[in-house]
Protein backbone atom coordinates (compact mmCIF):
# COMPACT_ATOMS: atom_id res chain seq x y z
CA MET A 1 -13.59 15.33 2.20
CA ILE A 2 -14.01 18.82 1.39
CA LYS A 3 -13.52 21.04 4.40
CA THR A 4 -14.71 24.62 4.46
CA GLU A 5 -14.74 27.47 7.13
CA PRO A 6 -17.54 30.46 6.92
CA HIS A 7 -15.35 33.43 6.12
CA VAL A 8 -17.05 35.93 9.25
CA GLN A 9 -16.67 39.45 9.24
CA ALA A 10 -17.92 42.06 11.46
CA LYS A 11 -19.98 44.96 10.09
CA PRO A 12 -18.51 48.59 10.24
CA TYR A 13 -21.22 49.93 11.72
CA VAL A 14 -21.18 47.71 14.40
CA GLY A 15 -17.43 48.31 15.19
CA LEU A 16 -17.97 52.37 14.76
CA ALA A 17 -20.99 52.06 17.43
CA LEU A 18 -18.68 50.13 20.10
CA GLY A 19 -16.10 52.97 19.45
CA MET A 20 -19.17 55.30 20.53
CA VAL A 21 -20.20 53.06 23.60
CA ILE A 22 -16.82 51.32 25.49
CA PRO A 23 -15.50 55.15 26.16
CA LEU A 24 -19.15 55.69 28.14
CA LEU A 25 -19.26 52.39 29.90
CA LEU A 26 -15.32 52.79 30.70
CA THR A 27 -16.60 56.12 32.43
CA LEU A 28 -18.99 54.80 34.33
CA VAL A 29 -16.35 52.49 35.45
CA ASP A 30 -14.12 55.31 36.29
CA TRP A 31 -16.58 57.77 38.07
CA PRO A 32 -16.93 56.49 41.22
CA PHE A 33 -13.04 56.27 41.69
CA ARG A 34 -12.47 59.94 40.14
CA ARG A 35 -11.05 60.85 43.37
CA MET A 36 -8.54 57.80 44.16
CA LEU A 37 -7.63 57.37 40.45
CA THR A 38 -5.15 60.14 39.13
CA PRO A 39 -6.03 61.65 35.55
CA SER A 40 -3.04 59.11 34.28
CA ASN A 41 -4.79 56.31 35.46
CA ILE A 42 -8.22 57.14 33.92
CA LEU A 43 -6.22 57.59 30.60
CA LEU A 44 -4.42 54.29 30.96
CA VAL A 45 -7.88 52.64 31.56
CA TYR A 46 -9.19 54.38 28.00
CA LEU A 47 -6.39 53.75 26.17
CA LEU A 48 -7.24 49.42 26.95
CA GLY A 49 -10.17 50.55 25.70
CA VAL A 50 -8.83 51.80 22.73
CA PHE A 51 -6.33 48.81 22.16
CA PHE A 52 -9.71 46.53 22.47
CA ILE A 53 -11.88 48.36 19.46
CA ALA A 54 -8.23 48.66 17.44
CA LEU A 55 -7.98 44.59 17.92
CA ARG A 56 -11.32 43.69 17.62
CA PHE A 57 -12.81 45.60 14.57
CA GLY A 58 -9.53 47.83 12.60
CA LEU A 59 -8.59 51.32 12.39
CA TRP A 60 -11.49 53.48 11.78
CA PRO A 61 -13.94 52.34 15.21
CA SER A 62 -10.21 52.26 17.11
CA ILE A 63 -10.20 56.36 16.00
CA CYS A 64 -13.81 57.14 16.81
CA ALA A 65 -12.95 55.07 20.32
CA SER A 66 -10.25 57.49 20.56
CA LEU A 67 -12.06 60.49 19.69
CA PHE A 68 -14.93 59.65 22.09
CA SER A 69 -12.55 58.79 25.05
CA ALA A 70 -10.78 62.28 24.59
CA GLY A 71 -14.27 64.17 25.13
CA ALA A 72 -15.57 62.10 27.78
CA PHE A 73 -12.26 62.58 30.18
CA ALA A 74 -11.62 65.98 28.89
CA TYR A 75 -16.05 66.60 30.01
CA PHE A 76 -16.39 64.36 33.42
CA PHE A 77 -12.05 64.23 34.55
CA ALA A 78 -10.51 67.04 33.67
CA PRO A 79 -10.81 70.34 35.98
CA PRO A 80 -13.30 71.90 35.31
CA ILE A 81 -15.62 69.10 35.45
CA PHE A 82 -18.76 68.87 33.19
CA SER A 83 -16.36 71.09 30.30
CA PHE A 84 -14.75 69.86 27.53
CA ALA A 85 -11.89 72.77 28.30
CA ILE A 86 -8.54 71.75 29.67
CA ALA A 87 -7.43 73.53 32.58
CA ASP A 88 -4.41 71.53 33.19
CA GLN A 89 -1.50 71.89 30.73
CA GLU A 90 -0.19 67.63 32.04
CA ASN A 91 -4.02 66.51 31.61
CA LEU A 92 -3.88 67.95 27.99
CA VAL A 93 -0.63 66.72 27.04
CA GLY A 94 -1.36 63.25 28.55
CA LEU A 95 -4.87 63.22 26.51
CA ALA A 96 -2.29 64.22 23.21
CA VAL A 97 -0.09 61.47 23.86
CA MET A 98 -3.61 59.04 24.59
CA LEU A 99 -4.10 59.84 21.09
CA ILE A 100 -1.16 59.49 19.41
CA VAL A 101 -0.35 56.31 20.74
CA GLY A 102 -4.35 55.36 20.36
CA ALA A 103 -3.74 56.60 16.81
CA PHE A 104 -1.04 54.49 16.55
CA THR A 105 -1.21 51.05 18.27
CA SER A 106 -4.48 51.62 16.56
CA LYS A 107 -2.67 51.36 12.71
CA GLN A 108 -0.59 48.63 14.05
CA ALA A 109 -3.79 46.46 15.31
CA GLU A 110 -4.99 47.49 11.93
CA ASN A 111 -2.20 45.93 9.96
CA VAL A 112 -1.90 42.58 12.48
CA ARG A 113 -5.75 41.70 11.63
CA THR A 114 -4.99 42.29 8.02
CA GLN A 115 -1.48 39.94 7.88
CA ALA A 116 -3.88 37.82 10.44
CA LEU A 117 -6.95 37.53 7.71
CA VAL A 118 -4.36 36.97 4.97
CA ALA A 119 -2.80 34.34 6.52
CA LYS A 120 -6.21 32.94 7.51
CA TYR A 121 -7.40 33.18 3.77
CA ARG A 122 -3.65 31.31 2.74
CA GLU A 123 -4.37 28.34 4.82
CA ARG A 124 -8.30 27.65 3.61
CA ARG A 125 -7.16 28.17 0.13
CA ALA A 126 -3.72 25.85 0.77
CA SER A 127 -6.77 23.36 2.88
CA ALA A 128 -8.82 23.35 -0.48
CA LEU A 129 -5.68 23.01 -2.98
CA TYR A 130 -5.01 20.00 -0.53
CA TYR A 131 -8.10 18.02 -0.74
CA LEU A 132 -8.40 18.76 -4.26
CA SER A 133 -4.91 17.08 -4.73
CA LYS A 134 -5.77 14.39 -2.74
CA GLU A 135 -8.16 13.60 -4.10
CA LEU A 136 -7.52 13.95 -7.49
CA ALA A 137 -4.01 11.48 -7.24
CA GLU A 138 -6.58 8.96 -6.14
CA ALA A 139 -8.42 8.72 -9.39
CA ARG A 140 -7.74 6.80 -12.44
CA LEU A 141 -11.18 7.07 -14.09
CA GLU A 142 -11.78 10.25 -16.05
CA HIS A 143 -14.95 10.41 -14.96
CA GLU A 144 -13.84 10.06 -11.33
CA ILE A 145 -11.88 13.05 -12.52
CA ILE A 146 -14.86 15.10 -13.94
CA ALA A 147 -16.85 14.58 -10.30
CA ILE A 148 -13.83 15.71 -8.21
CA GLY A 149 -13.70 19.09 -9.98
CA VAL A 150 -17.15 19.97 -10.33
CA ARG A 151 -17.75 19.05 -6.82
CA HIS A 152 -14.25 21.18 -5.44
CA ILE A 153 -15.10 24.18 -7.39
CA TYR A 154 -18.62 24.10 -6.44
CA ALA A 155 -17.69 24.03 -2.85
CA GLU A 156 -15.07 27.03 -2.71
CA PHE A 157 -16.65 29.30 -5.58
CA ASN A 158 -19.91 28.07 -4.47
CA THR A 159 -21.39 28.23 -7.91
CA ARG A 160 -22.99 25.42 -10.54
CA ASN A 161 -20.67 24.79 -12.51
CA THR A 162 -19.82 21.43 -15.65
CA ILE A 163 -17.41 20.54 -17.82
CA LEU A 164 -17.84 20.01 -21.81
CA PHE A 165 -15.37 17.70 -23.71
CA PRO A 166 -15.48 17.68 -27.43
CA GLY A 167 -17.28 14.62 -28.94
CA GLN A 168 -15.91 12.48 -31.75
CA HIS A 169 -16.36 15.07 -34.77
CA GLY A 170 -14.48 17.72 -32.40
CA ARG A 171 -17.26 19.72 -31.71
CA VAL A 172 -18.48 20.32 -27.77
CA CYS A 173 -21.07 18.50 -26.65
CA TYR A 174 -23.00 17.73 -23.46
CA PRO A 175 -21.91 15.03 -20.81
CA VAL A 176 -23.05 10.82 -22.05
CA LYS A 177 -23.11 10.14 -18.40
CA PRO A 178 -26.29 11.53 -15.78
CA ALA A 179 -25.68 15.26 -14.67
CA PHE A 180 -24.62 15.45 -10.82
CA ALA A 181 -27.20 17.49 -8.26
CA ILE A 182 -24.33 20.58 -8.67
CA SER A 183 -24.20 21.16 -12.15
CA LEU A 184 -25.18 23.74 -14.11
CA ARG A 185 -27.68 22.52 -16.84
CA GLY A 186 -28.67 24.28 -19.94
CA ALA A 187 -24.99 25.13 -20.86
CA ASN A 188 -24.69 27.00 -24.30
CA LEU A 189 -22.71 24.85 -26.54
CA GLU A 190 -22.13 27.96 -29.20
CA VAL A 191 -20.27 29.70 -26.99
CA ALA A 192 -18.44 26.64 -25.78
CA SER A 193 -17.14 25.69 -29.07
CA TRP A 194 -16.34 29.43 -29.76
CA VAL A 195 -14.13 29.31 -25.94
CA PHE A 196 -12.69 25.58 -27.17
CA ARG A 197 -11.56 26.95 -30.71
CA HIS A 198 -10.02 30.35 -29.46
CA GLN A 199 -8.89 29.15 -26.30
CA LYS A 200 -10.18 31.95 -24.38
CA ILE A 201 -12.98 33.36 -21.73
CA ALA A 202 -15.96 34.16 -22.93
CA GLY A 203 -19.64 34.41 -21.28
CA HIS A 204 -20.95 36.85 -18.35
CA HIS A 205 -18.97 39.94 -17.94
CA SER A 206 -16.53 39.03 -20.36
CA ALA A 207 -15.38 40.71 -24.09
CA HIS A 208 -16.84 37.71 -25.74
CA TYR A 209 -20.30 36.39 -25.46
CA PRO A 210 -21.60 39.33 -22.72
CA ASP A 211 -24.59 38.34 -22.60
CA ALA A 212 -24.25 34.88 -21.65
CA GLU A 213 -25.96 34.24 -18.15
CA ALA A 214 -22.54 31.46 -17.50
CA ILE A 215 -18.77 31.68 -17.53
CA TYR A 216 -16.97 29.91 -20.30
CA TRP A 217 -12.92 29.06 -19.42
CA PRO A 218 -11.27 26.88 -21.70
CA MET A 219 -9.27 24.03 -20.25
CA ASN A 220 -5.81 24.67 -21.69
CA GLY A 221 -3.66 21.74 -21.30
CA SER A 222 0.20 20.83 -22.83
CA ALA A 223 -1.16 20.32 -26.03
CA GLY A 224 -4.07 22.44 -26.44
CA CYS A 225 -7.56 22.73 -25.18
CA VAL A 226 -9.21 19.49 -24.03
CA GLY A 227 -12.41 20.98 -22.71
CA VAL A 228 -14.54 23.87 -21.47
CA LEU A 229 -15.70 24.94 -17.46
CA VAL A 230 -18.44 26.27 -17.91
CA MET A 231 -20.13 28.35 -14.46
CA GLU A 232 -22.79 30.32 -13.09
CA PRO A 233 -21.05 32.37 -9.84
CA ILE A 234 -23.28 33.03 -7.81
CA SER A 235 -20.88 36.04 -6.95
CA ARG A 236 -19.52 37.27 -10.20
CA GLN A 237 -17.84 39.94 -8.70
CA ARG A 238 -15.99 37.71 -6.51
CA LEU A 239 -14.83 35.11 -8.56
CA PHE A 240 -13.26 37.66 -11.09
CA LEU A 241 -11.08 38.99 -7.73
CA VAL A 242 -6.92 38.03 -8.39
CA GLU A 243 -6.35 35.76 -6.02
CA GLN A 244 -9.92 33.98 -7.01
CA HIS A 245 -8.76 34.21 -10.26
CA GLN A 246 -6.09 32.59 -9.28
CA LEU A 247 -7.25 29.97 -7.11
CA LEU A 248 -9.46 29.02 -9.92
CA GLU A 249 -6.99 28.71 -12.70
CA THR A 250 -5.00 26.30 -10.56
CA PHE A 251 -8.34 23.98 -10.01
CA VAL A 252 -8.56 23.93 -13.14
CA ASN A 253 -5.12 22.98 -13.85
CA GLN A 254 -4.97 20.75 -11.05
CA VAL A 255 -7.82 18.95 -12.88
CA ILE A 256 -6.64 19.26 -16.60
CA HIS A 257 -3.38 17.86 -15.48
CA THR A 258 -4.87 14.77 -13.78
CA LEU A 259 -7.25 13.75 -16.66
CA GLU A 260 -3.58 14.42 -18.88
CA ARG A 261 -2.31 12.08 -16.39
CA ALA A 262 -5.13 9.68 -16.55
CA ARG A 263 -5.20 9.95 -20.67
CA LEU A 264 -1.42 8.83 -20.77
CA ALA A 265 -1.69 5.94 -18.49
CA GLU A 266 -4.97 4.71 -20.60
CA GLN A 267 -2.58 4.93 -23.82
CA ALA A 268 0.56 3.40 -22.06
CA LYS A 269 -1.52 0.65 -20.70
CA GLU A 270 -3.31 0.10 -24.99
CA ALA A 271 0.32 0.57 -26.09
CA THR A 272 1.77 -2.33 -23.75
CA LEU A 273 -1.18 -4.75 -24.56
CA LYS A 274 -0.33 -4.00 -28.21
CA MET A 275 3.35 -4.26 -27.72
CA GLN A 276 2.24 -8.17 -25.73
CA SER A 277 0.07 -8.67 -28.32
CA GLU A 278 2.53 -7.85 -31.01
CA THR A 279 4.83 -10.10 -29.13
CA LEU A 280 2.58 -12.79 -29.27
CA ARG A 281 1.87 -12.74 -32.78
CA ASN A 282 5.77 -12.66 -33.35
CA SER A 283 5.85 -15.50 -31.22
CA LEU A 284 3.83 -17.31 -33.02
CA LEU A 285 4.32 -16.60 -36.46
CA SER A 286 8.02 -18.09 -35.43
CA SER A 287 7.27 -20.86 -34.37
CA ILE A 288 5.23 -21.98 -36.51
CA SER A 289 7.19 -20.86 -39.54
CA HIS A 290 10.43 -22.91 -37.80
CA ASP A 291 7.85 -25.78 -36.82
CA LEU A 292 6.23 -26.40 -40.04
CA ARG A 293 9.08 -25.41 -42.14
CA THR A 294 11.21 -28.88 -41.41
CA PRO A 295 8.49 -30.98 -41.46
CA LEU A 296 7.12 -29.33 -44.71
CA ALA A 297 11.01 -29.82 -46.26
CA THR A 298 10.92 -32.62 -45.27
CA ILE A 299 7.42 -33.89 -46.97
CA VAL A 300 8.85 -31.97 -49.71
CA GLY A 301 12.53 -34.17 -49.82
CA ALA A 302 10.98 -37.20 -49.65
CA ALA A 303 8.14 -36.98 -51.92
CA SER A 304 10.84 -35.42 -54.98
CA THR A 305 12.99 -38.58 -54.39
CA LEU A 306 9.80 -40.90 -54.71
CA ALA A 307 8.90 -38.75 -57.90
CA VAL A 308 11.93 -38.87 -59.30
CA ASP A 309 14.43 -41.56 -58.37
CA GLU A 310 11.33 -44.12 -58.24
CA GLU A 311 12.78 -46.64 -60.07
CA ARG A 312 16.04 -47.01 -58.73
CA LEU A 313 14.85 -46.93 -55.17
CA SER A 314 14.58 -50.27 -53.16
CA ILE A 315 11.08 -51.13 -52.01
CA ASP A 316 12.12 -50.57 -48.73
CA SER A 317 13.78 -47.43 -49.32
CA ARG A 318 10.39 -46.49 -51.00
CA ARG A 319 8.93 -47.72 -47.58
CA ASN A 320 11.14 -45.27 -45.33
CA LEU A 321 9.95 -42.23 -47.71
CA VAL A 322 6.20 -42.96 -47.59
CA HIS A 323 6.96 -43.80 -43.94
CA VAL A 324 8.87 -40.59 -43.38
CA ILE A 325 6.47 -38.43 -44.84
CA HIS A 326 3.62 -39.89 -42.78
CA GLU A 327 5.11 -39.51 -39.65
CA GLU A 328 6.00 -35.35 -40.68
CA ALA A 329 2.50 -34.78 -42.00
CA HIS A 330 1.38 -36.48 -39.18
CA ARG A 331 3.29 -33.71 -36.99
CA MET A 332 2.16 -30.97 -38.90
CA SER A 333 -1.66 -31.87 -38.13
CA ASP A 334 -0.34 -32.73 -34.04
CA LEU A 335 0.64 -28.96 -34.62
CA THR A 336 -2.11 -27.33 -36.41
CA THR A 337 -4.39 -29.24 -33.99
CA LYS A 338 -2.59 -27.56 -30.70
CA ILE A 339 -2.73 -23.89 -32.12
CA LEU A 340 -6.45 -24.62 -32.98
CA GLU A 341 -7.37 -25.87 -29.88
CA MET A 342 -5.26 -22.78 -27.55
CA ALA A 343 -7.18 -20.47 -29.62
CA ARG A 344 -10.62 -21.63 -28.58
CA LEU A 345 -9.70 -22.47 -25.36
CA GLU A 346 -8.29 -18.42 -25.11
CA ALA A 347 -11.35 -17.55 -26.77
CA GLY A 348 -13.36 -19.40 -24.39
CA GLU A 349 -15.42 -20.80 -26.64
CA ILE A 350 -15.05 -24.38 -25.75
CA GLN A 351 -17.58 -25.45 -23.23
CA LEU A 352 -16.62 -28.20 -20.94
CA ASN A 353 -19.10 -31.46 -21.00
CA ARG A 354 -18.43 -32.79 -17.78
CA GLN A 355 -19.43 -36.54 -16.92
CA TRP A 356 -18.80 -38.45 -13.66
CA TYR A 357 -15.58 -40.82 -14.47
CA GLU A 358 -13.26 -43.34 -12.85
CA PRO A 359 -9.87 -41.86 -12.90
CA GLU A 360 -8.30 -45.13 -13.82
CA GLU A 361 -10.86 -45.09 -17.11
CA LEU A 362 -9.51 -41.84 -18.36
CA VAL A 363 -5.73 -42.97 -17.48
CA GLY A 364 -6.55 -45.87 -19.75
CA SER A 365 -8.25 -43.91 -22.16
CA ALA A 366 -5.10 -41.66 -22.49
CA LEU A 367 -2.63 -44.99 -22.59
CA ARG A 368 -4.92 -46.57 -25.26
CA ARG A 369 -4.51 -43.72 -27.90
CA LEU A 370 -0.57 -43.77 -27.57
CA ASP A 371 -0.50 -47.69 -27.87
CA LYS A 372 1.76 -47.33 -30.68
CA LYS A 373 3.89 -44.61 -29.57
CA LEU A 374 4.43 -46.51 -26.46
CA LYS A 375 4.62 -49.99 -27.12
CA GLN A 376 8.67 -49.76 -26.45
CA ARG A 377 8.02 -48.16 -23.52
CA LEU A 378 8.07 -49.70 -20.26
CA ILE A 379 4.62 -47.84 -18.23
CA ASN A 380 4.46 -48.25 -14.86
CA VAL A 381 0.20 -47.66 -13.58
CA GLN A 382 -0.26 -47.24 -9.94
CA ILE A 383 -4.13 -46.51 -9.07
CA ALA A 384 -5.28 -47.40 -5.49
CA THR A 385 -8.72 -49.45 -5.52
CA SER A 386 -11.98 -47.30 -4.78
CA GLN A 387 -10.71 -44.16 -5.81
CA ALA A 388 -13.51 -41.58 -6.01
CA LEU A 389 -15.11 -40.70 -8.86
CA ILE A 390 -14.07 -36.84 -10.79
CA PHE A 391 -16.68 -34.95 -12.69
CA VAL A 392 -14.64 -33.91 -15.75
CA ASP A 393 -14.93 -33.50 -19.16
CA ALA A 394 -13.15 -36.50 -20.36
CA VAL A 395 -12.75 -35.37 -23.91
CA LEU A 396 -10.20 -32.58 -22.74
CA LEU A 397 -8.90 -34.07 -19.56
CA GLN A 398 -7.78 -37.24 -21.79
CA GLN A 399 -5.98 -34.40 -24.01
CA VAL A 400 -4.00 -33.01 -21.29
CA MET A 401 -3.10 -36.85 -19.89
CA VAL A 402 -1.99 -37.06 -23.36
CA ASN A 403 0.58 -34.42 -23.83
CA LEU A 404 2.14 -35.08 -20.59
CA LEU A 405 2.86 -38.94 -21.59
CA ASP A 406 3.74 -37.85 -25.03
CA ASN A 407 6.26 -35.42 -23.40
CA ALA A 408 7.96 -37.86 -20.76
CA ASP A 409 8.31 -40.13 -24.09
CA LYS A 410 9.97 -37.70 -26.03
CA TYR A 411 12.19 -35.94 -23.44
CA SER A 412 13.51 -39.02 -21.62
CA PRO A 413 15.47 -42.34 -22.31
CA VAL A 414 13.86 -44.95 -23.91
CA ASP A 415 15.07 -46.97 -21.58
CA GLN A 416 13.76 -45.54 -18.86
CA ALA A 417 9.87 -46.47 -17.60
CA ILE A 418 7.25 -43.67 -17.29
CA ASP A 419 4.92 -43.74 -14.00
CA VAL A 420 1.45 -43.03 -13.57
CA SER A 421 -0.26 -42.72 -10.58
CA VAL A 422 -3.42 -41.94 -8.91
CA ASN A 423 -4.08 -40.71 -5.32
CA THR A 424 -7.37 -39.35 -4.09
CA ALA A 425 -6.99 -36.31 -1.00
CA SER A 426 -9.81 -35.55 0.97
CA SER A 427 -11.14 -32.82 -1.77
CA SER A 428 -9.12 -33.39 -4.68
CA VAL A 429 -7.87 -36.36 -7.03
CA LEU A 430 -3.85 -36.11 -7.91
CA ILE A 431 -3.03 -37.74 -10.88
CA SER A 432 0.59 -37.94 -11.38
CA ILE A 433 3.11 -38.18 -14.79
CA ALA A 434 6.80 -38.76 -14.02
CA ASP A 435 9.89 -39.77 -16.31
CA ARG A 436 13.34 -40.07 -16.13
CA GLY A 437 14.33 -37.47 -18.60
CA LEU A 438 17.11 -34.21 -17.83
CA GLY A 439 14.00 -32.60 -15.23
CA ILE A 440 13.16 -29.05 -15.06
CA PRO A 441 16.00 -26.10 -14.46
CA VAL A 442 15.16 -24.22 -11.60
CA GLY A 443 13.25 -21.00 -11.97
CA PHE A 444 11.50 -22.63 -15.34
CA GLU A 445 8.91 -24.20 -13.25
CA GLN A 446 6.53 -21.87 -14.49
CA ARG A 447 7.37 -20.61 -17.38
CA ILE A 448 7.24 -24.06 -19.61
CA PHE A 449 3.73 -23.58 -19.06
CA ASP A 450 3.91 -20.32 -21.19
CA LYS A 451 2.81 -19.96 -24.47
CA PHE A 452 5.52 -20.71 -27.33
CA PHE A 453 7.63 -21.19 -24.35
CA GLN A 454 10.51 -24.28 -24.75
CA ILE A 455 13.72 -24.84 -22.44
CA HIS A 456 15.77 -26.31 -25.85
CA ALA A 457 14.20 -24.18 -29.04
CA GLU A 458 16.22 -25.98 -31.02
CA SER A 459 16.48 -29.48 -30.10
CA ALA A 460 16.19 -32.58 -32.08
CA GLN A 461 12.41 -33.44 -29.89
CA SER A 462 10.85 -30.03 -31.29
CA GLY A 463 7.36 -28.48 -30.15
CA VAL A 464 5.44 -25.12 -30.80
CA GLY A 465 5.78 -25.05 -27.00
CA LEU A 466 1.57 -24.97 -27.01
CA GLY A 467 1.24 -28.14 -25.48
CA LEU A 468 1.88 -27.38 -21.56
CA SER A 469 -0.28 -24.32 -21.87
CA ILE A 470 -3.19 -26.35 -23.35
CA CYS A 471 -3.03 -28.85 -20.37
CA ARG A 472 -2.77 -25.72 -17.85
CA ALA A 473 -5.67 -24.08 -19.61
CA ILE A 474 -7.74 -27.07 -19.63
CA VAL A 475 -6.79 -27.89 -15.73
CA GLU A 476 -7.48 -24.57 -15.08
CA ALA A 477 -10.89 -24.51 -16.58
CA HIS A 478 -12.03 -27.66 -14.18
CA GLY A 479 -11.19 -25.49 -11.39
CA GLY A 480 -7.82 -27.50 -10.84
CA GLU A 481 -4.19 -27.24 -10.48
CA ILE A 482 -0.74 -28.78 -12.85
CA LEU A 483 2.58 -28.11 -11.91
CA VAL A 484 5.67 -30.04 -11.93
CA ILE A 485 8.81 -30.66 -9.93
CA ASN A 486 11.90 -32.20 -10.74
CA ARG A 487 11.97 -36.32 -9.61
CA SER A 488 14.34 -37.16 -6.52
CA GLY A 489 17.46 -39.35 -8.85
CA GLY A 490 16.35 -37.14 -11.89
CA GLY A 491 13.28 -36.34 -14.30
CA SER A 492 10.11 -34.64 -13.58
CA VAL A 493 6.95 -35.34 -11.99
CA PHE A 494 3.38 -33.26 -13.70
CA GLN A 495 0.77 -33.15 -11.22
CA LEU A 496 -3.11 -33.12 -11.96
CA GLN A 497 -4.96 -31.79 -8.73
CA LEU A 498 -8.35 -32.09 -9.45
CA PRO A 499 -11.12 -30.73 -7.11
CA LEU A 500 -13.64 -33.03 -5.44
CA LEU A 501 -16.46 -30.26 -6.39
CA GLU A 502 -19.53 -32.25 -5.67
CA CYS A 503 -20.44 -35.53 -3.92
CA PRO A 504 -20.91 -38.65 -6.81
CA PRO A 505 -23.51 -40.03 -7.68
CA THR A 506 -24.65 -43.70 -5.93
CA ILE A 507 -25.06 -46.95 -7.74
CA ASP A 508 -27.55 -48.98 -6.69
CA PRO A 509 -26.50 -52.76 -6.32
CA GLU A 510 -27.55 -54.89 -9.67
CA VAL A 511 -29.92 -57.54 -8.28
């Protein structure tokens, strides 16, 4: 909030008038007591009036009051009365002392008054800079900074103004956003462009373009001119006072530095995003090159052996090589599918096809998809009766459970069972898949859901590190949550928490 205090200054003729009136009033006050007061007492009363005039109106009104006091004392109180002549030398000396003391104190009072005005002006200036700096410190966007600068310059200098910046082609142009109510309109772009190029003040009362109505002020930053401040001052003489000129420079510099800070912050943000994107791309290329090279090398080796030594290979050996080629090709296909799925999920291209399903139906479908792979594995499924229906995309949710079951099979001993359970709570359905593998190291419970993250990157059970990321993206798209906890006795438990968003449909009993 901008606080401004009107600067009130008494007009000079008022002080001079009071410098004449107050001695006359003091004469009226002293006249009834002229027989009781000594001349020294009367002179002190006049001196009191001179002090008041000096403190309130300055030097010249106080000198005027001193002269009128001397005349009044000589005419009404110093014998002979009703005459400006002074017969008594003591009165003459007292009057001279009063004039000297009055002149000296008036000068000192004038100095004090001037210092008070300077201190008041500096306090007002510091206050204006404080409020400008405070608002600029809270601003983040460029249009906010410009609005604050225009508003504070208008409040402090009482002048309409606007700030112009260069466009895409480097030429100064009008702002794209709507103008403020206090903005200056109709700025001369030719003058503004000249100021931007030469970084010099131009416009009214200046050496360049003196016929222009407005004043054009270059906004010189650390790396050159960033824009042009255009002002139409109501009091041009006030604007070009030294202190006002310095204050305006300080205002402009504050705005420039804040603009540069905001632009640097934006550049830093873009650089960070670019760096993160580059890191992600490198991770993707590294993971893909590693996970594609391994099966591809196996396929090439097996195919070469079949092509060169087919006649010397036994039927079992040829069958094993074909099986290896099939497995590795399937692995490459699975990897490619996961990468594409992750890309589609991140791009938001997947639309959920939600339908009502029973949880056991989805679990059964996922187990059937892995029937060949899990045929040697003991699977314990615990699903209580009367489970709530869930409103999900069945294909995507099956993919989540397939990924989790596949991980449980990869990372746990073959002779250990995989436990699958479904439970319904008051507001959600909880699906758990537990294994007896090595578990998740402490501190990695969240990181394992990051893209391309692998606890053991060079393990025998290689992967691209996208399976759990895909699971989390799908579950979160359903408004749910996925987490992993270490299982008591060894192993890990992946839990899917799916919210019960709507009331399931009712099914009429068959007649």
